Amino acid sequence: MTLTAVFYTTQMENYPPTQQPIHAWAENDRPREKLLNLGARNLSDSELLAILIGSGTRTQSAIDLGRQLLASVDDDLHLLAKLQGPELQRIKGIGKARSVIIMAALELGRRRQLSNRKKRHIIRSSSDAFNCLGPNLADLQQEEFWLLLLNRANQVIGQEQISKGGVAGTVV
C-alpha cells in the first residue's frame, strides 16, 4: 500500500460509513466540477452554498452544511439573506470567515437583482427582446426556449425558461 492510499484510507475512516468526503465522489457529482461542466443553473442551492463554504468538517461535507443552512430557514433564500454572521455561525462548521463569504455572495445577488429592476425593458421589436434576453443566452452551449412576460405597456415583468435542448434545437 502506498503512502497516498494509507492517507486516503485514514481520511475515509473519519466519515460515517454512508458519507464520503466530496473529494471521494465521482467527478461529475462534485459541486465545483458540476458547475464548470453543466453551469451554475444546474446546481441545487445546497451545492452552490457548498462551493461558497469550501470544505466540510470531519463529520459533514460542505453540501451537508449547505443543506443544514437551508433547513434552518425552511429552504427560503430570502430568509437566508437576512441572517447575519452570528446567526449563520450557529450551524456547526460555519465560522466567521464562511459566514462572511455567504453574506457577501447573497448581498451581491441582491444588488444584481436591484440593478435589473432599475431599468424595465420595453419590448417593441425582436431586437428589444434580444437585448433583454441576451445576457441569459450569450454563453450557452445549447439551445434554450425562453418566454418573456409583459404587462399591458409591453414592459418585461418576468422571464421564464421553457425548455433546454441540444446544440441544434430544443423541443417546446
N, C-alpha and C. Protein backbone atom coordinates (compact mmCIF):
# COMPACT_ATOMS: atom_id res chain seq x y z
N MET A 1 0.85 -1.18 0.00
CA MET A 1 0.00 0.00 0.00
C MET A 1 0.89 1.24 0.00
N THR A 2 0.59 2.18 -0.84
CA THR A 2 1.40 3.39 -0.92
C THR A 2 1.00 4.35 0.18
N LEU A 3 1.84 5.33 0.40
CA LEU A 3 1.57 6.34 1.41
C LEU A 3 0.28 7.09 1.09
N THR A 4 0.05 7.40 -0.18
CA THR A 4 -1.16 8.10 -0.58
C THR A 4 -2.39 7.28 -0.24
N ALA A 5 -2.36 5.99 -0.52
CA ALA A 5 -3.50 5.13 -0.25
C ALA A 5 -3.77 5.03 1.25
N VAL A 6 -2.72 4.99 2.05
CA VAL A 6 -2.90 4.93 3.50
C VAL A 6 -3.54 6.21 3.99
N PHE A 7 -3.08 7.37 3.51
CA PHE A 7 -3.65 8.65 3.90
C PHE A 7 -5.12 8.71 3.51
N TYR A 8 -5.43 8.29 2.30
CA TYR A 8 -6.80 8.32 1.81
C TYR A 8 -7.68 7.41 2.68
N THR A 9 -7.22 6.23 2.97
CA THR A 9 -7.96 5.30 3.80
C THR A 9 -8.19 5.89 5.19
N THR A 10 -7.18 6.51 5.75
CA THR A 10 -7.29 7.11 7.07
C THR A 10 -8.33 8.22 7.06
N GLN A 11 -8.32 9.04 6.02
CA GLN A 11 -9.30 10.12 5.95
C GLN A 11 -10.71 9.56 5.81
N MET A 12 -10.89 8.51 5.05
CA MET A 12 -12.22 7.94 4.85
C MET A 12 -12.78 7.39 6.16
N GLU A 13 -11.93 6.94 7.07
CA GLU A 13 -12.39 6.38 8.33
C GLU A 13 -13.00 7.43 9.24
N ASN A 14 -12.69 8.71 9.01
CA ASN A 14 -13.22 9.79 9.84
C ASN A 14 -14.67 10.12 9.51
N TYR A 15 -15.20 9.58 8.43
CA TYR A 15 -16.56 9.87 8.00
C TYR A 15 -17.46 8.68 8.33
N PRO A 16 -18.73 8.95 8.59
CA PRO A 16 -19.66 7.85 8.81
C PRO A 16 -19.67 6.94 7.57
N PRO A 17 -19.96 5.67 7.72
CA PRO A 17 -19.86 4.73 6.61
C PRO A 17 -20.69 5.12 5.39
N THR A 18 -21.82 5.81 5.58
CA THR A 18 -22.66 6.17 4.44
C THR A 18 -22.24 7.49 3.81
N GLN A 19 -21.36 8.23 4.45
CA GLN A 19 -20.94 9.53 3.93
C GLN A 19 -19.49 9.47 3.52
N GLN A 20 -19.22 10.04 2.37
CA GLN A 20 -17.84 10.16 1.91
C GLN A 20 -17.55 11.64 1.73
N PRO A 21 -16.30 12.03 1.89
CA PRO A 21 -15.96 13.42 1.62
C PRO A 21 -16.14 13.70 0.12
N ILE A 22 -16.39 14.94 -0.22
CA ILE A 22 -16.67 15.30 -1.60
C ILE A 22 -15.54 14.88 -2.53
N HIS A 23 -14.29 14.97 -2.08
CA HIS A 23 -13.18 14.60 -2.97
C HIS A 23 -13.20 13.12 -3.34
N ALA A 24 -13.97 12.31 -2.62
CA ALA A 24 -14.07 10.88 -2.93
C ALA A 24 -15.25 10.59 -3.87
N TRP A 25 -16.07 11.59 -4.16
CA TRP A 25 -17.22 11.42 -5.04
C TRP A 25 -16.76 11.33 -6.49
N ALA A 26 -17.63 10.83 -7.33
CA ALA A 26 -17.36 10.84 -8.77
C ALA A 26 -17.21 12.30 -9.20
N GLU A 27 -16.32 12.54 -10.12
CA GLU A 27 -16.01 13.91 -10.52
C GLU A 27 -17.24 14.68 -10.97
N ASN A 28 -18.16 14.04 -11.68
CA ASN A 28 -19.36 14.73 -12.18
C ASN A 28 -20.36 15.07 -11.08
N ASP A 29 -20.18 14.50 -9.89
CA ASP A 29 -21.08 14.79 -8.78
C ASP A 29 -20.56 15.89 -7.86
N ARG A 30 -19.30 16.26 -8.01
CA ARG A 30 -18.71 17.30 -7.16
C ARG A 30 -19.22 18.67 -7.60
N PRO A 31 -19.60 19.52 -6.64
CA PRO A 31 -20.21 20.82 -6.99
C PRO A 31 -19.35 21.69 -7.92
N ARG A 32 -18.07 21.84 -7.65
CA ARG A 32 -17.25 22.71 -8.50
C ARG A 32 -17.16 22.19 -9.92
N GLU A 33 -16.91 20.90 -10.06
CA GLU A 33 -16.80 20.31 -11.39
C GLU A 33 -18.14 20.34 -12.10
N LYS A 34 -19.21 20.12 -11.36
CA LYS A 34 -20.54 20.16 -11.94
C LYS A 34 -20.85 21.56 -12.47
N LEU A 35 -20.46 22.58 -11.71
CA LEU A 35 -20.67 23.95 -12.15
C LEU A 35 -19.89 24.23 -13.43
N LEU A 36 -18.64 23.79 -13.48
CA LEU A 36 -17.83 24.01 -14.67
C LEU A 36 -18.35 23.26 -15.88
N ASN A 37 -18.84 22.05 -15.68
CA ASN A 37 -19.30 21.22 -16.79
C ASN A 37 -20.73 21.53 -17.24
N LEU A 38 -21.61 21.83 -16.28
CA LEU A 38 -23.02 21.97 -16.60
C LEU A 38 -23.55 23.39 -16.43
N GLY A 39 -22.81 24.25 -15.76
CA GLY A 39 -23.27 25.61 -15.50
C GLY A 39 -23.92 25.74 -14.14
N ALA A 40 -23.89 26.94 -13.61
CA ALA A 40 -24.40 27.20 -12.26
C ALA A 40 -25.89 26.93 -12.13
N ARG A 41 -26.64 27.09 -13.20
CA ARG A 41 -28.09 26.89 -13.13
C ARG A 41 -28.46 25.44 -12.84
N ASN A 42 -27.55 24.52 -13.07
CA ASN A 42 -27.84 23.10 -12.88
C ASN A 42 -27.46 22.59 -11.50
N LEU A 43 -27.05 23.48 -10.61
CA LEU A 43 -26.71 23.09 -9.25
C LEU A 43 -27.85 23.43 -8.31
N SER A 44 -28.01 22.63 -7.29
CA SER A 44 -29.01 22.92 -6.27
C SER A 44 -28.49 24.06 -5.39
N ASP A 45 -29.38 24.64 -4.60
CA ASP A 45 -28.97 25.70 -3.68
C ASP A 45 -27.90 25.21 -2.71
N SER A 46 -28.05 23.98 -2.23
CA SER A 46 -27.06 23.46 -1.27
C SER A 46 -25.71 23.24 -1.95
N GLU A 47 -25.70 22.87 -3.22
CA GLU A 47 -24.43 22.71 -3.94
C GLU A 47 -23.76 24.06 -4.16
N LEU A 48 -24.54 25.09 -4.46
CA LEU A 48 -23.97 26.43 -4.62
C LEU A 48 -23.41 26.92 -3.28
N LEU A 49 -24.15 26.68 -2.21
CA LEU A 49 -23.65 27.05 -0.88
C LEU A 49 -22.38 26.27 -0.54
N ALA A 50 -22.33 25.01 -0.94
CA ALA A 50 -21.14 24.19 -0.68
C ALA A 50 -19.90 24.78 -1.33
N ILE A 51 -20.06 25.34 -2.53
CA ILE A 51 -18.93 25.98 -3.19
C ILE A 51 -18.47 27.18 -2.38
N LEU A 52 -19.40 27.95 -1.86
CA LEU A 52 -19.04 29.10 -1.03
C LEU A 52 -18.39 28.65 0.28
N ILE A 53 -18.93 27.61 0.87
CA ILE A 53 -18.41 27.11 2.15
C ILE A 53 -17.00 26.56 1.97
N GLY A 54 -16.76 25.91 0.85
CA GLY A 54 -15.41 25.44 0.54
C GLY A 54 -15.13 24.02 0.95
N SER A 55 -15.21 23.73 2.21
CA SER A 55 -14.94 22.37 2.68
C SER A 55 -15.81 22.09 3.90
N GLY A 56 -16.00 20.82 4.14
CA GLY A 56 -16.83 20.41 5.26
C GLY A 56 -16.04 20.24 6.54
N THR A 57 -16.64 19.50 7.44
CA THR A 57 -15.99 19.18 8.71
C THR A 57 -15.66 17.69 8.68
N ARG A 58 -15.18 17.16 9.78
CA ARG A 58 -14.87 15.73 9.83
C ARG A 58 -16.11 14.87 9.65
N THR A 59 -17.25 15.37 10.07
CA THR A 59 -18.47 14.56 10.04
C THR A 59 -19.47 14.99 8.97
N GLN A 60 -19.28 16.15 8.36
CA GLN A 60 -20.24 16.65 7.38
C GLN A 60 -19.50 17.21 6.17
N SER A 61 -20.05 16.93 4.99
CA SER A 61 -19.50 17.52 3.77
C SER A 61 -19.97 18.97 3.67
N ALA A 62 -19.38 19.72 2.78
CA ALA A 62 -19.80 21.10 2.55
C ALA A 62 -21.26 21.13 2.09
N ILE A 63 -21.67 20.14 1.31
CA ILE A 63 -23.07 20.08 0.87
C ILE A 63 -23.99 19.85 2.06
N ASP A 64 -23.58 19.00 2.99
CA ASP A 64 -24.38 18.79 4.20
C ASP A 64 -24.53 20.09 4.99
N LEU A 65 -23.45 20.86 5.08
CA LEU A 65 -23.52 22.15 5.77
C LEU A 65 -24.47 23.09 5.04
N GLY A 66 -24.41 23.08 3.70
CA GLY A 66 -25.33 23.90 2.91
C GLY A 66 -26.77 23.49 3.14
N ARG A 67 -27.01 22.19 3.17
CA ARG A 67 -28.38 21.68 3.42
C ARG A 67 -28.86 22.11 4.81
N GLN A 68 -27.95 22.02 5.77
CA GLN A 68 -28.31 22.39 7.14
C GLN A 68 -28.64 23.88 7.22
N LEU A 69 -27.85 24.70 6.52
CA LEU A 69 -28.13 26.14 6.49
C LEU A 69 -29.50 26.40 5.89
N LEU A 70 -29.78 25.75 4.76
CA LEU A 70 -31.08 25.94 4.11
C LEU A 70 -32.22 25.44 4.98
N ALA A 71 -32.03 24.31 5.63
CA ALA A 71 -33.07 23.76 6.51
C ALA A 71 -33.37 24.72 7.67
N SER A 72 -32.35 25.44 8.12
CA SER A 72 -32.55 26.36 9.24
C SER A 72 -33.45 27.54 8.88
N VAL A 73 -33.63 27.78 7.57
CA VAL A 73 -34.50 28.87 7.11
C VAL A 73 -35.63 28.31 6.23
N ASP A 74 -35.96 27.03 6.41
CA ASP A 74 -37.02 26.37 5.64
C ASP A 74 -36.81 26.50 4.14
N ASP A 75 -35.56 26.38 3.71
CA ASP A 75 -35.19 26.44 2.29
C ASP A 75 -35.58 27.76 1.63
N ASP A 76 -35.63 28.83 2.38
CA ASP A 76 -36.01 30.14 1.86
C ASP A 76 -34.76 31.01 1.73
N LEU A 77 -34.32 31.24 0.49
CA LEU A 77 -33.11 32.04 0.27
C LEU A 77 -33.28 33.49 0.73
N HIS A 78 -34.51 34.00 0.68
CA HIS A 78 -34.74 35.36 1.16
C HIS A 78 -34.48 35.45 2.67
N LEU A 79 -34.92 34.44 3.40
CA LEU A 79 -34.64 34.42 4.84
C LEU A 79 -33.15 34.22 5.11
N LEU A 80 -32.51 33.38 4.31
CA LEU A 80 -31.08 33.16 4.48
C LEU A 80 -30.31 34.46 4.28
N ALA A 81 -30.73 35.26 3.30
CA ALA A 81 -30.05 36.52 3.02
C ALA A 81 -30.18 37.52 4.16
N LYS A 82 -31.20 37.34 5.00
CA LYS A 82 -31.40 38.26 6.12
C LYS A 82 -30.54 37.90 7.33
N LEU A 83 -30.01 36.68 7.36
CA LEU A 83 -29.21 36.26 8.51
C LEU A 83 -27.88 36.99 8.56
N GLN A 84 -27.46 37.29 9.75
CA GLN A 84 -26.16 37.92 9.97
C GLN A 84 -25.17 36.87 10.46
N GLY A 85 -23.91 37.27 10.60
CA GLY A 85 -22.83 36.36 10.98
C GLY A 85 -23.13 35.46 12.15
N PRO A 86 -23.51 36.00 13.30
CA PRO A 86 -23.75 35.14 14.47
C PRO A 86 -24.86 34.11 14.23
N GLU A 87 -25.86 34.49 13.47
CA GLU A 87 -26.95 33.56 13.18
C GLU A 87 -26.48 32.43 12.26
N LEU A 88 -25.66 32.77 11.28
CA LEU A 88 -25.10 31.75 10.39
C LEU A 88 -24.14 30.84 11.15
N GLN A 89 -23.42 31.41 12.08
CA GLN A 89 -22.41 30.66 12.83
C GLN A 89 -23.02 29.70 13.85
N ARG A 90 -24.32 29.72 14.01
CA ARG A 90 -24.97 28.74 14.89
C ARG A 90 -24.88 27.34 14.30
N ILE A 91 -24.67 27.25 13.00
CA ILE A 91 -24.50 25.96 12.33
C ILE A 91 -23.07 25.51 12.58
N LYS A 92 -22.91 24.35 13.20
CA LYS A 92 -21.57 23.84 13.49
C LYS A 92 -20.84 23.61 12.16
N GLY A 93 -19.68 24.23 12.02
CA GLY A 93 -18.90 24.14 10.79
C GLY A 93 -18.91 25.44 10.00
N ILE A 94 -19.81 26.38 10.38
CA ILE A 94 -19.85 27.69 9.74
C ILE A 94 -19.27 28.69 10.74
N GLY A 95 -18.06 29.11 10.46
CA GLY A 95 -17.39 30.08 11.32
C GLY A 95 -17.52 31.48 10.77
N LYS A 96 -16.71 32.37 11.32
CA LYS A 96 -16.76 33.77 10.94
C LYS A 96 -16.43 33.96 9.45
N ALA A 97 -15.36 33.34 8.98
CA ALA A 97 -14.93 33.52 7.58
C ALA A 97 -15.99 32.99 6.61
N ARG A 98 -16.52 31.82 6.88
CA ARG A 98 -17.53 31.24 5.99
C ARG A 98 -18.82 32.06 6.01
N SER A 99 -19.21 32.55 7.19
CA SER A 99 -20.43 33.36 7.26
C SER A 99 -20.26 34.66 6.48
N VAL A 100 -19.08 35.24 6.51
CA VAL A 100 -18.82 36.47 5.75
C VAL A 100 -18.91 36.20 4.25
N ILE A 101 -18.37 35.08 3.80
CA ILE A 101 -18.43 34.72 2.38
C ILE A 101 -19.88 34.55 1.94
N ILE A 102 -20.67 33.85 2.74
CA ILE A 102 -22.07 33.62 2.40
C ILE A 102 -22.84 34.94 2.37
N MET A 103 -22.62 35.79 3.38
CA MET A 103 -23.32 37.08 3.42
C MET A 103 -22.93 37.94 2.21
N ALA A 104 -21.65 37.93 1.84
CA ALA A 104 -21.20 38.72 0.69
C ALA A 104 -21.83 38.22 -0.61
N ALA A 105 -21.90 36.91 -0.79
CA ALA A 105 -22.48 36.35 -2.01
C ALA A 105 -23.97 36.69 -2.10
N LEU A 106 -24.68 36.57 -1.00
CA LEU A 106 -26.11 36.89 -1.01
C LEU A 106 -26.34 38.38 -1.24
N GLU A 107 -25.48 39.21 -0.73
CA GLU A 107 -25.59 40.65 -0.98
C GLU A 107 -25.34 40.98 -2.44
N LEU A 108 -24.37 40.32 -3.05
CA LEU A 108 -24.13 40.50 -4.49
C LEU A 108 -25.36 40.10 -5.30
N GLY A 109 -25.99 39.00 -4.92
CA GLY A 109 -27.21 38.58 -5.59
C GLY A 109 -28.32 39.60 -5.44
N ARG A 110 -28.44 40.15 -4.26
CA ARG A 110 -29.46 41.18 -4.02
C ARG A 110 -29.19 42.41 -4.88
N ARG A 111 -27.94 42.85 -4.93
CA ARG A 111 -27.59 44.02 -5.73
C ARG A 111 -27.81 43.76 -7.21
N ARG A 112 -27.53 42.56 -7.65
CA ARG A 112 -27.76 42.21 -9.05
C ARG A 112 -29.24 42.30 -9.38
N GLN A 113 -30.06 41.78 -8.47
CA GLN A 113 -31.50 41.83 -8.68
C GLN A 113 -31.99 43.27 -8.73
N LEU A 114 -31.48 44.12 -7.86
CA LEU A 114 -31.88 45.52 -7.84
C LEU A 114 -31.44 46.25 -9.10
N SER A 115 -30.26 45.92 -9.60
CA SER A 115 -29.78 46.60 -10.80
C SER A 115 -30.65 46.25 -12.00
N ASN A 116 -31.24 45.07 -12.02
CA ASN A 116 -32.16 44.71 -13.10
C ASN A 116 -33.49 45.43 -12.97
N ARG A 117 -33.89 45.75 -11.75
CA ARG A 117 -35.17 46.41 -11.53
C ARG A 117 -35.14 47.88 -11.96
N LYS A 118 -33.97 48.51 -11.91
CA LYS A 118 -33.87 49.93 -12.23
C LYS A 118 -34.33 50.21 -13.65
N LYS A 119 -34.00 49.31 -14.55
CA LYS A 119 -34.36 49.52 -15.95
C LYS A 119 -35.32 48.42 -16.37
N ARG A 120 -36.56 48.77 -16.58
CA ARG A 120 -37.55 47.81 -17.03
C ARG A 120 -37.60 47.88 -18.56
N HIS A 121 -37.25 46.76 -19.17
CA HIS A 121 -37.21 46.71 -20.63
C HIS A 121 -38.62 46.84 -21.22
N ILE A 122 -38.72 47.58 -22.30
CA ILE A 122 -39.96 47.66 -23.07
C ILE A 122 -39.70 46.95 -24.39
N ILE A 123 -40.59 46.04 -24.75
CA ILE A 123 -40.42 45.24 -25.95
C ILE A 123 -41.28 45.82 -27.06
N ARG A 124 -40.61 46.35 -28.09
CA ARG A 124 -41.31 46.87 -29.27
C ARG A 124 -40.92 46.11 -30.53
N SER A 125 -39.82 45.35 -30.43
CA SER A 125 -39.32 44.63 -31.61
C SER A 125 -38.52 43.41 -31.15
N SER A 126 -38.13 42.59 -32.12
CA SER A 126 -37.34 41.41 -31.80
C SER A 126 -35.97 41.81 -31.24
N SER A 127 -35.43 42.93 -31.69
CA SER A 127 -34.13 43.36 -31.16
C SER A 127 -34.25 43.77 -29.69
N ASP A 128 -35.40 44.33 -29.29
CA ASP A 128 -35.63 44.64 -27.87
C ASP A 128 -35.65 43.36 -27.04
N ALA A 129 -36.31 42.33 -27.59
CA ALA A 129 -36.35 41.03 -26.90
C ALA A 129 -34.95 40.45 -26.79
N PHE A 130 -34.17 40.56 -27.86
CA PHE A 130 -32.79 40.06 -27.84
C PHE A 130 -31.97 40.79 -26.78
N ASN A 131 -32.10 42.12 -26.73
CA ASN A 131 -31.34 42.90 -25.74
C ASN A 131 -31.73 42.54 -24.32
N CYS A 132 -32.98 42.16 -24.13
CA CYS A 132 -33.45 41.78 -22.80
C CYS A 132 -32.94 40.40 -22.41
N LEU A 133 -33.03 39.44 -23.33
CA LEU A 133 -32.64 38.06 -23.03
C LEU A 133 -31.17 37.76 -23.31
N GLY A 134 -30.52 38.60 -24.07
CA GLY A 134 -29.14 38.35 -24.48
C GLY A 134 -28.20 37.95 -23.36
N PRO A 135 -28.19 38.65 -22.23
CA PRO A 135 -27.29 38.25 -21.14
C PRO A 135 -27.53 36.83 -20.63
N ASN A 136 -28.78 36.36 -20.69
CA ASN A 136 -29.09 34.99 -20.25
C ASN A 136 -28.62 33.95 -21.25
N LEU A 137 -28.56 34.33 -22.52
CA LEU A 137 -28.31 33.37 -23.58
C LEU A 137 -26.91 33.43 -24.16
N ALA A 138 -26.16 34.47 -23.84
CA ALA A 138 -24.90 34.75 -24.52
C ALA A 138 -23.89 33.60 -24.48
N ASP A 139 -23.72 32.98 -23.37
CA ASP A 139 -22.65 31.99 -23.23
C ASP A 139 -23.15 30.55 -23.22
N LEU A 140 -24.37 30.32 -23.66
CA LEU A 140 -24.91 28.97 -23.64
C LEU A 140 -24.31 28.12 -24.75
N GLN A 141 -24.18 26.83 -24.48
CA GLN A 141 -23.67 25.92 -25.48
C GLN A 141 -24.77 25.00 -26.00
N GLN A 142 -26.02 25.30 -25.66
CA GLN A 142 -27.15 24.52 -26.14
C GLN A 142 -28.30 25.49 -26.40
N GLU A 143 -29.29 25.01 -27.15
CA GLU A 143 -30.47 25.82 -27.45
C GLU A 143 -31.38 25.86 -26.23
N GLU A 144 -31.98 27.02 -25.99
CA GLU A 144 -32.96 27.16 -24.93
C GLU A 144 -34.13 28.00 -25.44
N PHE A 145 -35.32 27.72 -24.93
CA PHE A 145 -36.50 28.48 -25.30
C PHE A 145 -36.95 29.25 -24.06
N TRP A 146 -37.02 30.58 -24.19
CA TRP A 146 -37.40 31.45 -23.08
C TRP A 146 -38.69 32.19 -23.41
N LEU A 147 -39.44 32.51 -22.40
CA LEU A 147 -40.68 33.25 -22.52
C LEU A 147 -40.50 34.59 -21.80
N LEU A 148 -40.82 35.67 -22.50
CA LEU A 148 -40.82 36.98 -21.86
C LEU A 148 -42.26 37.30 -21.45
N LEU A 149 -42.46 37.66 -20.21
CA LEU A 149 -43.78 38.02 -19.70
C LEU A 149 -43.88 39.54 -19.68
N LEU A 150 -44.89 40.07 -20.33
CA LEU A 150 -45.05 41.52 -20.47
C LEU A 150 -46.34 41.99 -19.81
N ASN A 151 -46.34 43.24 -19.34
CA ASN A 151 -47.58 43.84 -18.88
C ASN A 151 -48.24 44.53 -20.08
N ARG A 152 -49.32 45.23 -19.87
CA ARG A 152 -50.05 45.87 -20.99
C ARG A 152 -49.26 46.98 -21.65
N ALA A 153 -48.26 47.50 -20.97
CA ALA A 153 -47.41 48.55 -21.54
C ALA A 153 -46.17 47.95 -22.23
N ASN A 154 -46.18 46.64 -22.45
CA ASN A 154 -45.07 45.91 -23.07
C ASN A 154 -43.78 45.97 -22.25
N GLN A 155 -43.91 46.21 -20.95
CA GLN A 155 -42.74 46.18 -20.07
C GLN A 155 -42.55 44.74 -19.59
N VAL A 156 -41.29 44.33 -19.53
CA VAL A 156 -40.98 42.97 -19.09
C VAL A 156 -41.22 42.87 -17.59
N ILE A 157 -42.07 41.93 -17.21
CA ILE A 157 -42.33 41.70 -15.79
C ILE A 157 -41.79 40.34 -15.34
N GLY A 158 -41.29 39.56 -16.29
CA GLY A 158 -40.72 38.27 -15.94
C GLY A 158 -40.12 37.57 -17.13
N GLN A 159 -39.27 36.61 -16.84
CA GLN A 159 -38.63 35.77 -17.85
C GLN A 159 -38.68 34.34 -17.34
N GLU A 160 -39.06 33.41 -18.20
CA GLU A 160 -39.13 32.01 -17.80
C GLU A 160 -38.49 31.13 -18.86
N GLN A 161 -37.66 30.22 -18.43
CA GLN A 161 -37.09 29.24 -19.34
C GLN A 161 -38.12 28.11 -19.50
N ILE A 162 -38.46 27.81 -20.76
CA ILE A 162 -39.46 26.79 -21.03
C ILE A 162 -38.82 25.44 -21.32
N SER A 163 -37.75 25.45 -22.11
CA SER A 163 -37.08 24.18 -22.42
C SER A 163 -35.61 24.41 -22.72
N LYS A 164 -34.88 23.29 -22.63
CA LYS A 164 -33.45 23.28 -22.90
C LYS A 164 -33.20 22.10 -23.83
N GLY A 165 -32.41 22.32 -24.87
CA GLY A 165 -32.19 21.25 -25.84
C GLY A 165 -30.73 20.99 -26.11
N GLY A 166 -30.44 20.61 -27.35
CA GLY A 166 -29.07 20.32 -27.76
C GLY A 166 -28.46 21.49 -28.49
N VAL A 167 -27.43 21.22 -29.28
CA VAL A 167 -26.74 22.30 -29.97
C VAL A 167 -27.51 22.77 -31.21
N ALA A 168 -28.47 21.98 -31.69
CA ALA A 168 -29.18 22.33 -32.93
C ALA A 168 -30.64 22.71 -32.70
N GLY A 169 -31.19 22.48 -31.54
CA GLY A 169 -32.59 22.82 -31.32
C GLY A 169 -33.08 22.39 -29.96
N THR A 170 -34.35 22.76 -29.67
CA THR A 170 -34.99 22.36 -28.43
C THR A 170 -36.47 22.13 -28.71
N VAL A 171 -37.08 21.27 -27.95
CA VAL A 171 -38.49 20.95 -28.12
C VAL A 171 -39.30 21.79 -27.12
N VAL A 172 -40.33 22.43 -27.63
CA VAL A 172 -41.18 23.26 -26.78
C VAL A 172 -42.55 22.61 -26.69
